[in-house]
Amino acid sequence: MSAIFESVIKTLPNGRWYIELRDIEGDREAECLSVEDFAKLLEEWGADYGHDVNVTWSQEDNVSELQVHEVRMEMMAYEQKMNEEGGDL
């Protein structure tokens, strides 16, 4: 059975988004201020489960569509960069 990580897009008072990552099984929680931070933490925590993880996504009500779009675009750019470098996500 895979581990479940919850990712919630949230917003700071200054309008900047961040991702709250929760490990349901391991009772861990962290705030990721960038996609790179999120990816590193996902890799680190995922190793504890043999990288067999399921990531669920949601967003708080006060997160704008623009912020969600920014997260998606940064995720896509990060994935492309990793693919070009031959690295794992």
N, C-alpha and C. Protein backbone atom coordinates (compact mmCIF):
# COMPACT_ATOMS: atom_id res chain seq x y z
N MET A 1 0.84 -1.19 0.00
CA MET A 1 0.00 0.00 0.00
C MET A 1 0.88 1.25 0.00
N SER A 2 0.54 2.19 -0.83
CA SER A 2 1.35 3.40 -0.92
C SER A 2 1.00 4.38 0.20
N ALA A 3 1.97 5.22 0.50
CA ALA A 3 1.75 6.27 1.48
C ALA A 3 0.97 7.40 0.82
N ILE A 4 0.24 8.15 1.62
CA ILE A 4 -0.53 9.28 1.09
C ILE A 4 0.07 10.57 1.63
N PHE A 5 0.44 11.45 0.71
CA PHE A 5 0.91 12.78 1.06
C PHE A 5 -0.15 13.77 0.59
N GLU A 6 -0.52 14.69 1.45
CA GLU A 6 -1.46 15.73 1.09
C GLU A 6 -0.69 17.00 0.78
N SER A 7 -0.99 17.60 -0.35
CA SER A 7 -0.39 18.88 -0.75
C SER A 7 -1.51 19.90 -0.86
N VAL A 8 -1.36 20.98 -0.12
CA VAL A 8 -2.38 22.03 -0.12
C VAL A 8 -1.71 23.35 -0.51
N ILE A 9 -2.20 23.96 -1.57
CA ILE A 9 -1.69 25.26 -1.97
C ILE A 9 -2.35 26.30 -1.07
N LYS A 10 -1.51 27.13 -0.45
CA LYS A 10 -1.99 28.17 0.46
C LYS A 10 -1.37 29.49 0.05
N THR A 11 -1.85 30.55 0.65
CA THR A 11 -1.33 31.88 0.33
C THR A 11 -0.89 32.61 1.59
N LEU A 12 0.18 33.36 1.45
CA LEU A 12 0.70 34.19 2.53
C LEU A 12 0.02 35.56 2.48
N PRO A 13 0.07 36.34 3.56
CA PRO A 13 -0.54 37.67 3.55
C PRO A 13 -0.01 38.58 2.44
N ASN A 14 1.23 38.36 2.00
CA ASN A 14 1.80 39.20 0.94
C ASN A 14 1.38 38.75 -0.46
N GLY A 15 0.55 37.71 -0.54
CA GLY A 15 0.05 37.23 -1.83
C GLY A 15 0.87 36.12 -2.45
N ARG A 16 1.98 35.77 -1.84
CA ARG A 16 2.83 34.69 -2.36
C ARG A 16 2.23 33.35 -1.95
N TRP A 17 2.28 32.38 -2.86
CA TRP A 17 1.76 31.05 -2.55
C TRP A 17 2.85 30.20 -1.91
N TYR A 18 2.41 29.14 -1.24
CA TYR A 18 3.31 28.09 -0.74
C TYR A 18 2.53 26.79 -0.72
N ILE A 19 3.25 25.69 -0.59
CA ILE A 19 2.62 24.38 -0.57
C ILE A 19 2.84 23.76 0.80
N GLU A 20 1.75 23.40 1.45
CA GLU A 20 1.84 22.68 2.71
C GLU A 20 1.80 21.19 2.38
N LEU A 21 2.83 20.47 2.78
CA LEU A 21 2.94 19.04 2.52
C LEU A 21 2.76 18.29 3.82
N ARG A 22 1.84 17.31 3.80
CA ARG A 22 1.58 16.48 4.99
C ARG A 22 1.75 15.02 4.64
N ASP A 23 2.45 14.31 5.50
CA ASP A 23 2.60 12.86 5.41
C ASP A 23 1.59 12.28 6.39
N ILE A 24 0.52 11.72 5.85
CA ILE A 24 -0.56 11.21 6.69
C ILE A 24 -0.09 10.08 7.59
N GLU A 25 0.67 9.16 7.05
CA GLU A 25 1.16 8.00 7.80
C GLU A 25 2.23 8.38 8.82
N GLY A 26 3.15 9.23 8.41
CA GLY A 26 4.29 9.56 9.25
C GLY A 26 4.09 10.74 10.16
N ASP A 27 2.91 11.35 10.10
CA ASP A 27 2.59 12.48 10.97
C ASP A 27 3.63 13.60 10.85
N ARG A 28 4.01 13.92 9.58
CA ARG A 28 4.95 15.01 9.32
C ARG A 28 4.23 16.08 8.52
N GLU A 29 4.69 17.32 8.70
CA GLU A 29 4.10 18.44 7.97
C GLU A 29 5.19 19.48 7.74
N ALA A 30 5.17 20.10 6.55
CA ALA A 30 6.16 21.13 6.24
C ALA A 30 5.56 22.14 5.28
N GLU A 31 6.11 23.34 5.29
CA GLU A 31 5.72 24.38 4.35
C GLU A 31 6.83 24.54 3.32
N CYS A 32 6.47 24.43 2.06
CA CYS A 32 7.43 24.54 0.96
C CYS A 32 7.18 25.84 0.22
N LEU A 33 8.19 26.71 0.21
CA LEU A 33 8.04 28.02 -0.40
C LEU A 33 8.37 28.02 -1.89
N SER A 34 8.81 26.87 -2.40
CA SER A 34 9.12 26.76 -3.83
C SER A 34 8.85 25.33 -4.29
N VAL A 35 8.74 25.18 -5.59
CA VAL A 35 8.55 23.84 -6.17
C VAL A 35 9.79 22.99 -5.90
N GLU A 36 10.97 23.60 -5.93
CA GLU A 36 12.20 22.86 -5.66
C GLU A 36 12.20 22.30 -4.23
N ASP A 37 11.79 23.12 -3.27
CA ASP A 37 11.69 22.67 -1.88
C ASP A 37 10.70 21.51 -1.77
N PHE A 38 9.57 21.66 -2.45
CA PHE A 38 8.54 20.62 -2.44
C PHE A 38 9.10 19.31 -3.00
N ALA A 39 9.78 19.39 -4.14
CA ALA A 39 10.33 18.19 -4.79
C ALA A 39 11.37 17.50 -3.91
N LYS A 40 12.23 18.29 -3.28
CA LYS A 40 13.25 17.71 -2.38
C LYS A 40 12.61 16.97 -1.22
N LEU A 41 11.63 17.61 -0.62
CA LEU A 41 10.96 17.01 0.54
C LEU A 41 10.17 15.77 0.13
N LEU A 42 9.52 15.84 -1.01
CA LEU A 42 8.78 14.68 -1.52
C LEU A 42 9.72 13.51 -1.75
N GLU A 43 10.88 13.78 -2.31
CA GLU A 43 11.89 12.73 -2.54
C GLU A 43 12.37 12.15 -1.21
N GLU A 44 12.68 13.03 -0.27
CA GLU A 44 13.18 12.60 1.04
C GLU A 44 12.16 11.76 1.79
N TRP A 45 10.94 12.27 1.91
CA TRP A 45 9.91 11.54 2.63
C TRP A 45 9.51 10.28 1.88
N GLY A 46 9.45 10.36 0.56
CA GLY A 46 9.07 9.20 -0.25
C GLY A 46 10.03 8.04 -0.09
N ALA A 47 11.30 8.33 0.17
CA ALA A 47 12.30 7.28 0.36
C ALA A 47 11.92 6.38 1.53
N ASP A 48 11.27 6.94 2.53
CA ASP A 48 10.84 6.15 3.69
C ASP A 48 9.80 5.10 3.32
N TYR A 49 9.16 5.26 2.17
CA TYR A 49 8.12 4.34 1.71
C TYR A 49 8.51 3.64 0.42
N GLY A 50 9.80 3.61 0.12
CA GLY A 50 10.24 2.99 -1.12
C GLY A 50 9.74 3.74 -2.34
N HIS A 51 9.47 5.03 -2.18
CA HIS A 51 8.97 5.92 -3.23
C HIS A 51 7.60 5.48 -3.77
N ASP A 52 6.88 4.70 -2.98
CA ASP A 52 5.52 4.29 -3.35
C ASP A 52 4.56 5.23 -2.63
N VAL A 53 4.32 6.40 -3.25
CA VAL A 53 3.48 7.42 -2.62
C VAL A 53 2.40 7.90 -3.58
N ASN A 54 1.34 8.36 -2.99
CA ASN A 54 0.24 8.97 -3.72
C ASN A 54 0.11 10.39 -3.18
N VAL A 55 0.18 11.38 -4.07
CA VAL A 55 0.08 12.78 -3.65
C VAL A 55 -1.29 13.31 -4.04
N THR A 56 -2.03 13.80 -3.06
CA THR A 56 -3.32 14.43 -3.32
C THR A 56 -3.12 15.94 -3.27
N TRP A 57 -3.89 16.66 -4.08
CA TRP A 57 -3.77 18.11 -4.16
C TRP A 57 -5.10 18.78 -3.83
N SER A 58 -4.99 19.91 -3.15
CA SER A 58 -6.14 20.77 -2.92
C SER A 58 -5.61 22.19 -2.74
N GLN A 59 -6.53 23.11 -2.55
CA GLN A 59 -6.15 24.50 -2.33
C GLN A 59 -7.12 25.12 -1.35
N GLU A 60 -6.62 26.09 -0.61
CA GLU A 60 -7.49 26.83 0.29
C GLU A 60 -8.40 27.74 -0.52
N ASP A 61 -9.51 28.13 0.07
CA ASP A 61 -10.50 28.96 -0.63
C ASP A 61 -9.94 30.32 -1.06
N ASN A 62 -8.98 30.86 -0.30
CA ASN A 62 -8.48 32.20 -0.62
C ASN A 62 -7.34 32.19 -1.64
N VAL A 63 -6.99 31.04 -2.20
CA VAL A 63 -5.95 30.95 -3.22
C VAL A 63 -6.57 31.30 -4.57
N SER A 64 -5.92 32.21 -5.28
CA SER A 64 -6.47 32.65 -6.57
C SER A 64 -6.13 31.65 -7.68
N GLU A 65 -6.88 31.76 -8.76
CA GLU A 65 -6.60 30.91 -9.93
C GLU A 65 -5.22 31.22 -10.49
N LEU A 66 -4.81 32.48 -10.40
CA LEU A 66 -3.48 32.86 -10.87
C LEU A 66 -2.39 32.13 -10.06
N GLN A 67 -2.58 32.05 -8.76
CA GLN A 67 -1.61 31.35 -7.91
C GLN A 67 -1.56 29.87 -8.26
N VAL A 68 -2.71 29.25 -8.47
CA VAL A 68 -2.75 27.84 -8.86
C VAL A 68 -2.03 27.66 -10.19
N HIS A 69 -2.28 28.57 -11.12
CA HIS A 69 -1.62 28.51 -12.43
C HIS A 69 -0.10 28.63 -12.28
N GLU A 70 0.34 29.54 -11.41
CA GLU A 70 1.78 29.70 -11.17
C GLU A 70 2.40 28.41 -10.65
N VAL A 71 1.73 27.76 -9.71
CA VAL A 71 2.24 26.49 -9.17
C VAL A 71 2.33 25.45 -10.28
N ARG A 72 1.28 25.34 -11.08
CA ARG A 72 1.28 24.37 -12.18
C ARG A 72 2.42 24.64 -13.16
N MET A 73 2.59 25.91 -13.53
CA MET A 73 3.63 26.26 -14.49
C MET A 73 5.02 25.98 -13.93
N GLU A 74 5.23 26.29 -12.66
CA GLU A 74 6.53 26.02 -12.04
C GLU A 74 6.78 24.52 -11.92
N MET A 75 5.72 23.74 -11.66
CA MET A 75 5.87 22.28 -11.60
C MET A 75 6.25 21.74 -12.97
N MET A 76 5.60 22.24 -14.01
CA MET A 76 5.90 21.78 -15.37
C MET A 76 7.34 22.15 -15.75
N ALA A 77 7.77 23.36 -15.42
CA ALA A 77 9.13 23.79 -15.73
C ALA A 77 10.15 22.94 -14.96
N TYR A 78 9.84 22.62 -13.71
CA TYR A 78 10.74 21.79 -12.91
C TYR A 78 10.84 20.38 -13.50
N GLU A 79 9.70 19.81 -13.88
CA GLU A 79 9.70 18.48 -14.49
C GLU A 79 10.51 18.47 -15.79
N GLN A 80 10.33 19.50 -16.60
CA GLN A 80 11.07 19.58 -17.86
C GLN A 80 12.58 19.67 -17.59
N LYS A 81 12.95 20.49 -16.63
CA LYS A 81 14.36 20.63 -16.27
C LYS A 81 14.94 19.30 -15.81
N MET A 82 14.20 18.60 -14.96
CA MET A 82 14.69 17.31 -14.45
C MET A 82 14.80 16.29 -15.59
N ASN A 83 13.85 16.29 -16.50
CA ASN A 83 13.90 15.37 -17.63
C ASN A 83 15.10 15.66 -18.53
N GLU A 84 15.38 16.93 -18.75
CA GLU A 84 16.52 17.32 -19.57
C GLU A 84 17.84 16.94 -18.93
N GLU A 85 17.88 17.02 -17.61
CA GLU A 85 19.10 16.68 -16.87
C GLU A 85 19.19 15.19 -16.60
N GLY A 86 18.13 14.46 -16.94
CA GLY A 86 18.13 13.01 -16.71
C GLY A 86 17.95 12.63 -15.26
N GLY A 87 17.42 13.55 -14.45
CA GLY A 87 17.21 13.28 -13.03
C GLY A 87 15.83 12.74 -12.77
N ASP A 88 15.66 12.26 -11.57
CA ASP A 88 14.35 11.77 -11.12
C ASP A 88 13.60 12.90 -10.47
N LEU A 89 12.29 12.82 -10.56
CA LEU A 89 11.43 13.82 -9.90
C LEU A 89 11.23 13.46 -8.47
